[in-house]
Protein backbone atom coordinates (compact mmCIF):
# COMPACT_ATOMS: atom_id res chain seq x y z
CA MET A 1 -17.42 -5.72 27.34
CA ALA A 2 -16.08 -7.77 24.43
CA ALA A 3 -15.59 -5.86 21.16
CA ILE A 4 -13.72 -6.11 17.87
CA VAL A 5 -12.62 -3.85 15.07
CA THR A 6 -14.14 -5.54 12.05
CA ASP A 7 -12.48 -6.42 8.75
CA GLN A 8 -14.90 -4.06 7.03
CA PHE A 9 -13.64 -1.17 9.16
CA ARG A 10 -10.09 -1.83 7.95
CA ILE A 11 -11.24 -2.11 4.35
CA ALA A 12 -13.16 1.14 4.71
CA ASN A 13 -10.07 2.86 6.13
CA ALA A 14 -8.00 1.69 3.16
CA ASN A 15 -10.68 2.99 0.80
CA ASN A 16 -10.82 6.29 2.67
CA PHE A 17 -7.04 6.71 2.44
CA VAL A 18 -7.06 6.16 -1.33
CA ASP A 19 -9.96 8.59 -1.68
CA SER A 20 -8.07 11.14 0.42
CA VAL A 21 -4.97 10.85 -1.79
CA LEU A 22 -7.09 11.33 -4.90
CA ASP A 23 -8.95 14.30 -3.42
CA ALA A 24 -7.83 17.46 -5.24
CA ASN A 25 -7.91 19.35 -1.92
CA ASN A 26 -5.06 17.23 -0.53
CA SER A 27 -1.38 16.87 -1.36
CA TYR A 28 0.41 13.69 -0.29
CA TYR A 29 4.15 13.29 -0.90
CA VAL A 30 6.64 10.45 -0.53
CA PHE A 31 9.87 11.95 0.81
CA LEU A 32 13.45 10.81 1.35
CA GLY A 33 15.45 12.13 4.27
CA LEU A 34 18.27 11.98 6.82
CA SER A 35 21.49 11.99 4.78
CA ASN A 36 23.71 11.64 7.88
CA PRO A 37 22.16 9.06 10.23
CA GLY A 38 25.47 8.59 12.08
CA GLU A 39 28.55 6.42 12.04
CA THR A 40 31.01 5.03 14.55
CA GLY A 41 33.36 7.62 16.02
CA SER A 42 31.41 10.68 14.88
CA PRO A 43 29.13 12.95 16.88
CA VAL A 44 25.70 11.86 15.77
CA GLY A 45 23.30 14.27 17.41
CA PHE A 46 19.56 14.00 17.84
CA GLY A 47 17.73 11.21 15.99
CA ARG A 48 20.91 9.39 14.95
CA THR A 49 22.99 6.48 16.25
CA THR A 50 26.62 5.41 15.94
CA THR A 51 25.56 2.07 14.44
CA TRP A 52 23.55 3.68 11.64
CA GLY A 53 26.26 4.54 9.14
CA ASP A 54 27.38 3.22 5.77
CA THR A 55 27.61 -0.35 7.10
CA PRO A 56 25.02 -0.31 9.86
CA SER A 57 23.41 -2.92 11.97
CA THR A 58 19.62 -2.95 11.91
CA PRO A 59 18.43 0.68 11.81
CA PRO A 60 16.56 1.80 14.93
CA SER A 61 12.78 1.70 14.99
CA PRO A 62 11.16 5.09 14.32
CA VAL A 63 9.80 6.98 17.32
CA ASP A 64 6.20 8.19 17.07
CA ASN A 65 5.91 11.40 19.05
CA GLN A 66 5.68 15.09 18.23
CA GLN A 67 9.39 15.68 18.83
CA TYR A 68 10.51 13.07 16.33
CA LEU A 69 7.81 13.91 13.79
CA SER A 70 9.25 17.43 13.67
CA HIS A 71 12.74 16.00 13.28
CA TYR A 72 11.67 13.82 10.33
CA ARG A 73 10.36 16.92 8.57
CA ASN A 74 13.49 18.95 9.35
CA THR A 75 15.90 16.35 7.98
CA ALA A 76 13.82 15.58 4.87
CA LEU A 77 15.54 16.12 1.52
CA PHE A 78 12.87 16.17 -1.16
CA GLY A 79 9.44 14.79 -1.98
CA LYS A 80 7.31 13.59 -4.89
CA LYS A 81 3.55 13.91 -5.07
CA LEU A 82 1.19 10.94 -5.02
CA ASN A 83 -1.66 10.75 -7.52
CA SER A 84 -4.02 8.25 -9.09
CA SER A 85 -1.19 6.56 -11.01
CA ASN A 86 0.86 5.56 -7.97
CA VAL A 87 -1.50 4.44 -5.22
CA ARG A 88 -3.36 1.13 -5.29
CA ARG A 89 -5.20 -1.21 -2.96
CA VAL A 90 -3.50 -4.60 -2.69
CA VAL A 91 -4.20 -8.06 -1.28
CA ARG A 92 -2.00 -11.05 -0.55
CA LYS A 93 -0.61 -12.72 -3.65
CA VAL A 94 -1.75 -16.32 -4.07
CA THR A 95 -0.33 -17.66 -7.33
CA TRP A 96 -2.18 -20.58 -8.91
CA THR A 97 -0.02 -23.72 -8.78
CA VAL A 98 -0.97 -27.14 -10.05
CA ASN A 99 -1.74 -29.85 -7.45
CA THR A 100 -2.49 -27.24 -4.81
CA ARG A 101 -5.64 -27.40 -2.70
CA TYR A 102 -7.42 -24.04 -2.35
CA ASP A 103 -10.22 -23.01 -0.03
CA MET A 104 -13.54 -22.01 -1.50
CA TYR A 105 -15.20 -18.67 -0.85
CA ARG A 106 -17.54 -18.88 2.14
CA HIS A 107 -19.23 -16.19 4.14
CA ASP A 108 -19.26 -18.15 7.39
CA TYR A 109 -15.64 -18.94 8.31
CA SER A 110 -15.09 -18.36 12.03
CA GLY A 111 -13.24 -19.64 15.06
CA SER A 112 -15.60 -22.61 15.21
CA ASN A 113 -15.75 -23.08 11.43
CA LYS A 114 -12.24 -22.57 10.11
CA SER A 115 -11.35 -22.73 6.44
CA PRO A 116 -10.44 -26.39 5.86
CA ASN A 117 -7.06 -25.88 4.20
CA ALA A 118 -5.66 -22.62 5.60
CA GLN A 119 -7.26 -23.36 8.98
CA SER A 120 -8.14 -19.71 9.26
CA ALA A 121 -10.98 -18.15 11.22
CA ARG A 122 -11.02 -15.28 8.69
CA LEU A 123 -12.09 -15.51 5.10
CA TYR A 124 -9.38 -13.02 4.14
CA ASP A 125 -6.60 -15.23 5.52
CA SER A 126 -7.83 -18.16 3.44
CA ASN A 127 -6.43 -18.97 0.00
CA TYR A 128 -9.72 -18.64 -1.88
CA PHE A 129 -8.45 -16.44 -4.71
CA VAL A 130 -5.55 -16.79 -7.14
CA VAL A 131 -3.67 -14.93 -9.85
CA ASN A 132 -2.63 -16.93 -12.90
CA LYS A 133 0.42 -16.67 -15.17
CA ASP A 134 -1.37 -14.06 -17.32
CA PHE A 135 -2.08 -11.82 -14.29
CA ARG A 136 -5.78 -12.69 -14.28
CA VAL A 137 -7.44 -12.90 -10.87
CA TYR A 138 -10.09 -15.46 -9.90
CA ILE A 139 -11.98 -16.53 -6.80
CA CYS A 140 -12.74 -20.16 -6.03
CA LEU A 141 -16.47 -20.79 -5.64
CA GLN A 142 -16.17 -24.58 -5.34
CA ASN A 143 -13.17 -26.85 -4.75
CA GLY A 144 -14.88 -30.24 -4.83
CA SER A 145 -15.43 -30.31 -1.07
CA HIS A 146 -18.58 -31.57 0.62
CA GLY A 147 -19.76 -33.11 3.86
CA PRO A 148 -20.97 -36.69 4.29
CA ILE A 149 -22.80 -38.15 1.28
CA GLU A 150 -24.14 -41.69 1.59
CA SER A 151 -22.53 -43.03 -1.59
CA LEU A 152 -19.44 -40.80 -1.69
CA GLY A 153 -18.31 -40.36 1.90
CA SER A 154 -16.84 -37.01 3.00
CA ASN A 155 -14.38 -34.66 1.29
CA LEU A 156 -14.10 -31.75 3.69
CA THR A 157 -10.90 -30.20 2.29
CA GLY A 158 -11.65 -30.47 -1.41
CA ASN A 159 -9.40 -31.65 -4.22
CA ASN A 160 -6.06 -30.58 -5.62
CA SER A 161 -6.53 -28.06 -8.41
CA GLN A 162 -5.43 -29.47 -11.77
CA ASP A 163 -6.60 -26.91 -14.33
CA GLU A 164 -5.33 -23.33 -14.29
CA PRO A 165 -8.18 -20.87 -14.82
CA THR A 166 -7.56 -18.73 -17.91
CA PHE A 167 -11.04 -17.79 -19.16
CA THR A 168 -12.54 -14.29 -18.98
CA ASP A 169 -16.22 -15.26 -19.12
CA LEU A 170 -18.63 -13.35 -16.91
CA GLU A 171 -20.15 -16.47 -15.37
CA PRO A 172 -18.32 -18.96 -13.09
CA SER A 173 -16.92 -22.02 -14.80
CA ALA A 174 -14.64 -25.02 -14.47
CA ALA A 175 -11.15 -24.28 -15.75
CA GLY A 176 -10.57 -27.45 -17.77
CA VAL A 177 -11.56 -31.06 -18.34
CA SER A 178 -9.86 -32.80 -15.41
CA ASN A 179 -13.06 -32.84 -13.33
CA ASP A 180 -11.07 -31.58 -10.33
CA GLY A 181 -14.29 -30.14 -8.90
CA TYR A 182 -13.16 -26.50 -9.05
CA ILE A 183 -15.44 -23.68 -10.15
CA TRP A 184 -13.73 -20.30 -10.65
CA LYS A 185 -15.11 -16.78 -11.03
CA TYR A 186 -13.05 -14.37 -13.13
CA LEU A 187 -12.66 -10.91 -11.56
CA PHE A 188 -10.13 -8.81 -13.49
CA THR A 189 -6.77 -8.70 -15.27
CA ILE A 190 -3.96 -6.61 -13.78
CA SER A 191 -3.04 -3.90 -16.28
CA PRO A 192 0.49 -3.83 -17.77
CA SER A 193 1.18 -0.41 -16.23
CA ASP A 194 0.20 -1.69 -12.79
CA ILE A 195 2.39 -4.76 -13.27
CA ILE A 196 5.41 -2.53 -13.97
CA LYS A 197 4.84 -0.27 -10.98
CA PHE A 198 3.22 -2.42 -8.35
CA ASP A 199 3.89 -6.11 -9.01
CA SER A 200 5.66 -7.92 -6.20
CA THR A 201 6.17 -11.42 -4.84
CA GLU A 202 3.77 -10.69 -1.98
CA TYR A 203 0.82 -8.68 -3.28
CA ILE A 204 -1.82 -8.55 -6.01
CA VAL A 205 -2.66 -5.00 -7.07
CA LEU A 206 -6.35 -4.10 -7.49
CA PRO A 207 -7.72 -1.53 -9.95
CA ASN A 208 -8.67 1.89 -8.66
CA ASP A 209 -12.24 3.20 -8.82
CA TRP A 210 -13.87 -0.19 -9.21
CA ALA A 211 -17.33 1.18 -8.42
CA THR A 212 -17.15 3.97 -11.02
CA SER A 213 -14.64 2.75 -13.62
CA THR A 214 -15.72 3.00 -17.25
CA ASP A 215 -13.15 0.42 -18.33
CA PHE A 216 -15.19 -2.05 -20.42
CA GLN A 217 -13.81 -5.16 -18.74
CA ILE A 218 -14.30 -3.87 -15.20
CA GLN A 219 -17.71 -2.47 -15.97
CA SER A 220 -18.82 -5.81 -17.44
CA ILE A 221 -17.72 -7.78 -14.37
CA ARG A 222 -19.20 -5.22 -11.99
CA ASP A 223 -22.54 -5.05 -13.78
CA ALA A 224 -22.75 -8.85 -14.08
CA GLY A 225 -22.30 -9.04 -10.31
CA ASP A 226 -25.14 -6.62 -9.57
CA SER A 227 -27.92 -8.97 -8.49
CA THR A 228 -30.41 -6.11 -8.18
CA VAL A 229 -30.29 -6.01 -11.97
CA ASN A 230 -29.45 -9.60 -12.91
CA ASN A 231 -31.16 -11.52 -10.11
CA ASN A 232 -28.09 -13.78 -9.82
CA GLN A 233 -26.69 -13.28 -6.32
CA ILE A 234 -26.18 -16.83 -5.00
CA LYS A 235 -23.81 -18.95 -7.08
CA THR A 236 -23.04 -21.90 -4.76
CA VAL A 237 -24.91 -24.16 -2.39
CA TYR A 238 -22.53 -26.23 -0.27
CA ILE A 239 -23.50 -29.76 0.72
CA ALA A 240 -22.57 -29.89 4.40
CA ASP A 241 -24.52 -33.16 4.78
CA GLY A 242 -26.23 -35.08 1.97
CA GLY A 243 -28.84 -36.63 4.30
CA LYS A 244 -30.77 -39.67 3.06
CA GLY A 245 -34.11 -41.35 2.73
CA VAL A 246 -36.58 -38.55 2.03
CA TYR A 247 -34.85 -36.48 -0.64
CA THR A 248 -35.67 -36.58 -4.33
CA THR A 249 -34.12 -35.02 -7.39
CA GLY A 250 -35.73 -31.67 -8.22
CA THR A 251 -35.59 -27.91 -7.98
CA TYR A 252 -36.27 -26.16 -4.67
CA ASP A 253 -36.61 -22.60 -3.46
CA ILE A 254 -34.01 -20.91 -1.24
CA LYS A 255 -35.88 -19.08 1.49
CA GLY A 256 -34.45 -16.30 3.62
CA ASP A 257 -34.39 -12.50 3.57
CA GLY A 258 -33.93 -12.41 -0.22
CA THR A 259 -36.05 -13.61 -3.09
CA GLY A 260 -35.84 -15.61 -6.29
CA ALA A 261 -33.04 -18.12 -5.63
CA LYS A 262 -33.50 -21.78 -6.58
CA VAL A 263 -31.28 -24.85 -6.37
CA ASN A 264 -31.51 -28.12 -8.28
CA ILE A 265 -30.43 -31.24 -6.38
CA GLU A 266 -29.53 -34.73 -7.50
CA VAL A 267 -29.72 -37.75 -5.22
CA ASP A 268 -28.35 -41.29 -5.23
CA THR A 269 -30.34 -44.49 -4.71
CA SER A 270 -30.38 -43.99 -0.94
CA GLY A 271 -31.96 -40.56 -1.28
CA SER A 272 -28.71 -38.82 -0.29
CA ILE A 273 -28.03 -35.51 -2.04
CA THR A 274 -24.93 -35.79 -4.26
CA LYS A 275 -25.07 -32.57 -6.23
CA ALA A 276 -26.52 -29.08 -5.73
CA THR A 277 -26.62 -26.66 -8.65
CA VAL A 278 -27.93 -23.11 -8.38
CA VAL A 279 -30.33 -22.48 -11.25
CA ALA A 280 -31.49 -19.02 -10.11
CA GLY A 281 -29.38 -16.75 -7.92
CA GLY A 282 -32.04 -14.35 -6.74
CA SER A 283 -31.16 -11.16 -4.86
CA GLY A 284 -31.21 -9.54 -1.44
CA TYR A 285 -29.95 -12.49 0.61
CA THR A 286 -27.85 -12.25 3.75
CA PHE A 287 -28.86 -15.79 4.74
CA GLY A 288 -30.65 -18.63 3.00
CA ILE A 289 -32.26 -22.01 3.76
CA VAL A 290 -33.24 -24.57 1.14
CA ASP A 291 -36.94 -25.40 1.39
CA PHE A 292 -37.44 -29.10 0.61
CA GLN A 293 -41.22 -28.67 0.95
CA HIS A 294 -41.65 -31.36 3.57
CA ALA A 295 -45.21 -31.88 4.73
CA SER A 296 -45.81 -30.69 8.25
CA ASN A 297 -46.15 -34.29 9.47
CA THR A 298 -42.96 -35.55 7.80
CA THR A 299 -40.61 -37.34 10.16
CA ILE A 300 -36.89 -37.37 9.31
CA PRO A 301 -34.88 -39.74 11.50
CA ALA A 302 -32.05 -38.18 13.49
CA GLY A 303 -28.85 -38.18 11.42
CA ASP A 304 -30.71 -38.40 8.12
CA GLN A 305 -31.39 -34.67 7.68
CA ALA A 306 -29.60 -32.96 4.84
CA LYS A 307 -27.77 -29.69 5.44
CA LEU A 308 -27.32 -27.44 2.44
CA ILE A 309 -25.65 -24.05 2.96
CA PRO A 310 -26.31 -21.31 0.37
CA ILE A 311 -23.03 -19.35 0.14
CA ILE A 312 -23.78 -15.63 0.35
CA PRO A 313 -21.50 -13.37 -1.74
CA PRO A 314 -20.39 -9.98 -0.47
CA SER A 315 -22.53 -6.95 -1.30
CA ARG A 316 -24.86 -7.68 -4.23
CA GLY A 317 -22.88 -10.49 -5.85
CA HIS A 318 -19.47 -11.82 -6.86
CA GLY A 319 -17.54 -9.17 -8.78
CA TYR A 320 -19.70 -6.23 -7.75
CA ASP A 321 -17.25 -4.96 -5.11
CA VAL A 322 -13.80 -6.58 -5.33
CA TYR A 323 -12.44 -4.57 -2.39
CA THR A 324 -14.83 -6.29 0.01
CA GLU A 325 -14.69 -9.59 -1.85
CA LEU A 326 -10.89 -9.83 -1.60
CA GLY A 327 -10.46 -7.99 1.70
CA SER A 328 -8.29 -5.09 0.53
CA ASP A 329 -7.17 -3.59 3.83
CA ARG A 330 -3.70 -2.70 2.49
CA VAL A 331 -2.58 0.10 0.17
CA LEU A 332 0.61 0.12 -1.89
CA VAL A 333 2.19 3.49 -2.59
CA TYR A 334 4.75 3.78 -5.40
CA SER A 335 7.19 6.57 -6.16
CA ARG A 336 10.28 6.84 -8.34
CA PHE A 337 13.18 9.21 -7.71
CA ASP A 338 15.67 9.74 -10.54
CA ASP A 339 17.87 12.53 -11.91
CA SER A 340 15.12 14.27 -13.87
CA THR A 341 15.14 17.37 -11.67
CA LYS A 342 17.64 19.26 -9.54
CA ASP A 343 15.11 18.92 -6.72
CA PHE A 344 16.34 15.30 -6.50
CA PRO A 345 20.15 15.60 -6.21
CA THR A 346 22.01 12.39 -7.05
CA ASP A 347 25.06 13.14 -4.92
CA THR A 348 23.23 12.70 -1.63
CA LYS A 349 22.35 9.85 0.74
CA PHE A 350 19.19 8.96 2.62
CA ALA A 351 18.22 6.72 5.53
CA GLN A 352 14.53 7.55 5.95
CA ILE A 353 11.47 7.19 3.73
CA GLY A 354 8.19 8.82 4.68
CA ILE A 355 4.82 10.11 3.58
CA VAL A 356 3.69 13.62 4.48
CA LYS A 357 0.22 15.07 3.98
CA ASN A 358 -0.45 18.70 3.10
CA PRO A 359 2.85 20.50 3.69
CA GLU A 360 2.54 24.24 3.15
CA LYS A 361 4.50 26.53 0.84
CA TYR A 362 7.50 28.30 2.34
CA ASN A 363 6.41 31.50 4.12
CA SER A 364 2.77 30.74 3.35
CA LYS A 365 -0.26 29.00 4.77
CA THR A 366 -1.21 27.66 1.34
CA ILE A 367 -0.91 23.90 0.80
CA TYR A 368 1.92 23.03 -1.56
CA THR A 369 0.60 21.35 -4.73
CA ALA A 370 3.47 20.98 -7.23
CA ASN A 371 4.57 17.52 -8.40
CA GLU A 372 7.81 17.60 -6.42
CA TYR A 373 9.59 19.76 -3.89
CA SER A 374 12.97 20.42 -2.38
CA SER A 375 12.83 20.80 1.39
CA LEU A 376 16.47 21.89 1.53
CA GLY A 377 17.96 25.33 1.81
CA ALA A 378 20.72 26.12 -0.70
CA ILE A 379 23.65 28.45 -1.23
CA LYS A 380 25.57 28.99 -4.46
CA LEU A 381 29.27 29.11 -3.79
CA VAL A 382 31.83 31.10 -5.74
CA GLN A 383 33.76 29.24 -8.42
CA SER A 384 37.13 29.13 -6.69
CA TYR A 385 38.00 27.70 -3.26
CA THR A 386 40.09 24.86 -1.86
CA GLY A 387 38.53 21.48 -1.02
CA THR A 388 35.28 19.67 -1.77
CA PRO A 389 32.27 19.71 0.59
CA VAL A 390 31.15 16.23 1.72
CA VAL A 391 27.56 15.07 2.29
CA GLY A 392 26.88 14.87 6.02
CA ALA A 393 29.56 17.37 6.96
CA ALA A 394 28.74 20.33 9.19
CA ILE A 395 28.49 23.82 7.72
CA SER A 396 28.30 27.21 9.46
CA GLN A 397 28.24 30.92 8.76
CA THR A 398 28.73 34.01 10.84
CA THR A 399 25.79 36.28 10.05
CA ALA A 400 24.39 39.50 11.43
CA ASN A 401 21.82 37.44 13.36
CA GLY A 402 24.30 34.99 14.85
CA GLU A 403 25.88 31.73 13.73
CA ALA A 404 23.97 29.72 11.13
CA ARG A 405 24.59 25.98 11.37
CA GLY A 406 23.50 22.96 9.37
CA TYR A 407 24.50 19.73 7.64
CA ILE A 408 25.38 19.33 3.97
CA ALA A 409 22.81 17.23 2.11
CA SER A 410 24.15 17.73 -1.42
CA TYR A 411 26.94 19.49 -3.27
CA ASP A 412 26.91 19.84 -7.06
CA THR A 413 30.49 20.30 -8.29
CA GLU A 414 29.22 21.56 -11.66
CA THR A 415 26.80 24.27 -10.51
CA LYS A 416 28.55 24.95 -7.16
CA VAL A 417 25.18 24.67 -5.40
CA LEU A 418 25.39 23.36 -1.84
CA LYS A 419 22.14 22.16 -0.24
CA TYR A 420 21.71 21.79 3.49
CA TYR A 421 19.26 21.18 6.28
CA GLN A 422 19.13 22.52 9.80
CA ASP A 423 17.80 20.43 12.67
CA ARG A 424 18.05 20.49 16.44
CA SER A 425 21.21 18.39 16.55
CA ARG A 426 23.53 21.38 16.31
CA ALA A 427 21.26 23.46 18.52
CA PHE A 428 21.83 20.72 21.12
CA ALA A 429 25.60 21.05 20.54
CA ASN A 430 25.65 17.54 18.95
CA THR A 431 24.07 15.90 21.95
CA THR A 432 20.70 14.17 21.90
CA ASP A 433 18.90 16.17 24.59
CA GLN A 434 18.67 19.48 26.41
CA THR A 435 21.58 18.93 28.81
CA ASP A 436 23.04 22.27 29.87
CA SER A 437 26.06 23.40 27.86
CA VAL A 438 28.37 26.44 28.00
CA ASN A 439 27.60 26.86 24.28
CA THR A 440 23.85 27.26 24.72
CA SER A 441 23.93 31.03 24.19
CA SER A 442 25.66 30.70 20.84
CA THR A 443 24.16 27.48 19.50
CA ALA A 444 20.59 27.04 20.73
CA ASN A 445 18.81 29.19 18.13
CA ILE A 446 18.33 28.23 14.48
CA VAL A 447 19.75 31.06 12.38
CA SER A 448 19.18 31.31 8.62
CA PHE A 449 22.08 31.19 6.20
CA ALA A 450 22.96 34.42 4.41
CA SER A 451 25.14 35.87 1.66
CA THR A 452 28.44 35.51 3.45
CA THR A 453 31.39 33.14 3.65
CA ALA A 454 30.54 29.53 4.50
CA ASN A 455 32.76 27.53 6.83
CA ILE A 456 32.61 23.85 5.92
CA GLU A 457 33.85 20.90 7.95
CA GLY A 458 37.27 19.87 6.61
CA ASN A 459 38.78 23.37 6.85
CA ILE A 460 36.99 24.60 3.76
CA SER A 461 36.18 28.28 3.52
CA ALA A 462 34.05 29.22 0.54
CA GLY A 463 32.44 32.50 -0.40
CA VAL A 464 28.82 32.78 -1.47
CA ASP A 465 28.13 34.01 -5.01
CA ILE A 466 26.14 37.02 -3.83
CA ALA A 467 25.77 38.34 -7.39
CA PHE A 468 23.73 35.30 -8.40
CA SER A 469 19.94 35.41 -8.47
CA GLY A 470 17.43 33.35 -10.40
CA ILE A 471 16.59 29.70 -11.07
CA THR A 472 19.04 28.91 -13.90
CA THR A 473 22.79 29.13 -14.34
CA THR A 474 25.03 28.78 -17.39
CA ILE A 475 27.67 26.04 -17.46
CA GLY A 476 29.83 26.37 -20.57
CA ASP A 477 27.34 26.61 -23.43
CA LYS A 478 24.37 25.06 -21.63
CA GLN A 479 21.74 26.49 -19.33
CA VAL A 480 21.00 24.46 -16.21
CA SER A 481 17.84 24.73 -14.11
CA LEU A 482 18.62 24.67 -10.39
CA GLY A 483 15.08 23.75 -9.36
CA VAL A 484 14.79 26.56 -6.80
CA THR A 485 15.08 30.34 -7.05
CA PHE A 486 18.11 32.11 -5.58
CA SER A 487 18.48 35.67 -4.34
CA GLY A 488 21.93 36.94 -3.47
CA GLY A 489 23.30 33.40 -3.78
CA VAL A 490 20.86 31.98 -1.22
CA SER A 491 17.67 29.94 -1.68
CA ASP A 492 15.00 28.86 0.78
CA PRO A 493 13.24 25.47 0.85
CA GLU A 494 10.09 25.18 -1.27
CA ILE A 495 7.98 24.05 1.67
CA ASN A 496 7.54 25.09 5.27
CA LYS A 497 9.23 22.16 7.00
CA ASN A 498 7.23 22.71 10.19
CA THR A 499 3.99 21.84 8.40
CA GLY A 500 2.34 18.69 7.11
CA ASP A 501 1.32 15.48 8.84
CA VAL A 502 3.94 12.74 8.72
CA ILE A 503 1.72 9.68 8.40
CA TYR A 504 4.45 7.12 7.67
CA ILE A 505 8.15 6.84 8.45
CA ASP A 506 10.62 4.03 7.78
CA ASN A 507 14.24 3.92 8.93
CA ARG A 508 16.46 2.24 6.35
CA SER A 509 20.09 1.27 5.92
CA LEU A 510 21.92 4.25 4.44
CA VAL A 511 21.47 4.49 0.65
CA THR A 512 23.91 6.45 -1.50
CA ARG A 513 22.28 7.93 -4.60
CA ASP A 514 23.96 7.89 -7.99
CA SER A 515 23.12 9.45 -11.35
CA ARG A 516 23.15 5.96 -12.91
CA GLN A 517 20.45 4.61 -10.62
CA LYS A 518 16.81 5.24 -9.82
CA GLU A 519 15.10 4.56 -6.52
CA ASP A 520 11.74 2.82 -6.82
CA VAL A 521 9.99 3.22 -3.48
CA LYS A 522 7.12 0.87 -2.65
CA ILE A 523 5.35 1.38 0.68
CA ILE A 524 2.71 -0.98 2.04
CA LEU A 525 0.21 0.64 4.41
CA GLU A 526 -1.87 -1.84 6.39
CA PHE A 527 -5.09 -0.65 7.98
């Protein structure tokens, strides 16, 4: 049986995702991870490759199974919470350009009725909306196109647009005086804060909470588009065929499943319709037919019948629901990582970016809710030892419970705090699977680090500052927050790394962080 997943399903899923992020019962985080993805000549272990180092070829595609999802969580470094200020619906960016021909909004594009210019079977793949130089967004309700008209011929693709729309009126209007045939409907202006965070060469960002926003501009556009109040649903009647012979200038009703719409037509000397202007938009229409009030015995010769198509807006009217009107089935997520907190060490590297939903607090079943987290364990080393730990290097300890093993994710030379993660790579003895090894007895279990000497790759042996407890340390005459709380020189991660749903993962070329740079992460989710 033939079936499709509709555009509206994808738009609904995008809306549902945004609503889920904004739900106070949920915690979504963007995280950075995998500080040692591998390099030529080094044992790389599970989830890494020898071509994924500082100068890699194309990073491997992420694997979507339970094994790898656990690995993404285990090698994560830190995360930042998403909220209403950093998640937005987006649509393709179509920038208004002079002498460009745009498609008009129509509700009936299909495989057999493609948009004339984009040649698309989908409205949402057609270039029927634009953003201007002032970040104002408009839809095209008329582009000068029409079917055969006795005195004018046919213009099926419309005209080149000459006048950039700049107005902010509530009603559709021409943009200038060139008579290019374009009628534009103003929708909204992208806010300066959204421009800074979300603007890109590919996407237009849409406001959040369109249906409930109390912003005066949005509310005005939304209310003006509510045809149940304003009785102004239909804005355009397209002349698919002007007909001839029996048509006269006048105002006619638009019949259908709605009420109240009327169109005024003008005809030439042959009785061919040359202009159709909606004078009352009505409400409640999902289809419409112009009633020319022919007598029941009227005979219209074959080929002389006019065909006028009332263009039906989405929902109640243009501007009432911009998510449906513009087809917003994508969501842009923004996050910035800087040096504002010790949770985000600047001496680390990362090769993965992800989104995780509802991780739990460490040693708890409570969902973590703070604005950021460190998913790394940490030990505070004593002040004096020989050598400098390197990010990506292996680290181990001999503890009462066995050998603890991990990889260095960060080392702060000022505070002497070393952060690490533990994943299955070293449990697999630096292989990528469960092949039998003589070291299985000593390496297969994950053992927690403790308050004892750390052995660091590069022949570094450093003691743990077992006398240190707390969240701050004193360096010279200043007090420094470490971001996590230590006990006996050891700190646990802030989240339970075995929890949370990884809903997005992206493998990237290895990025080295620096205190002089900030990472702006923009993720496009397509539904």
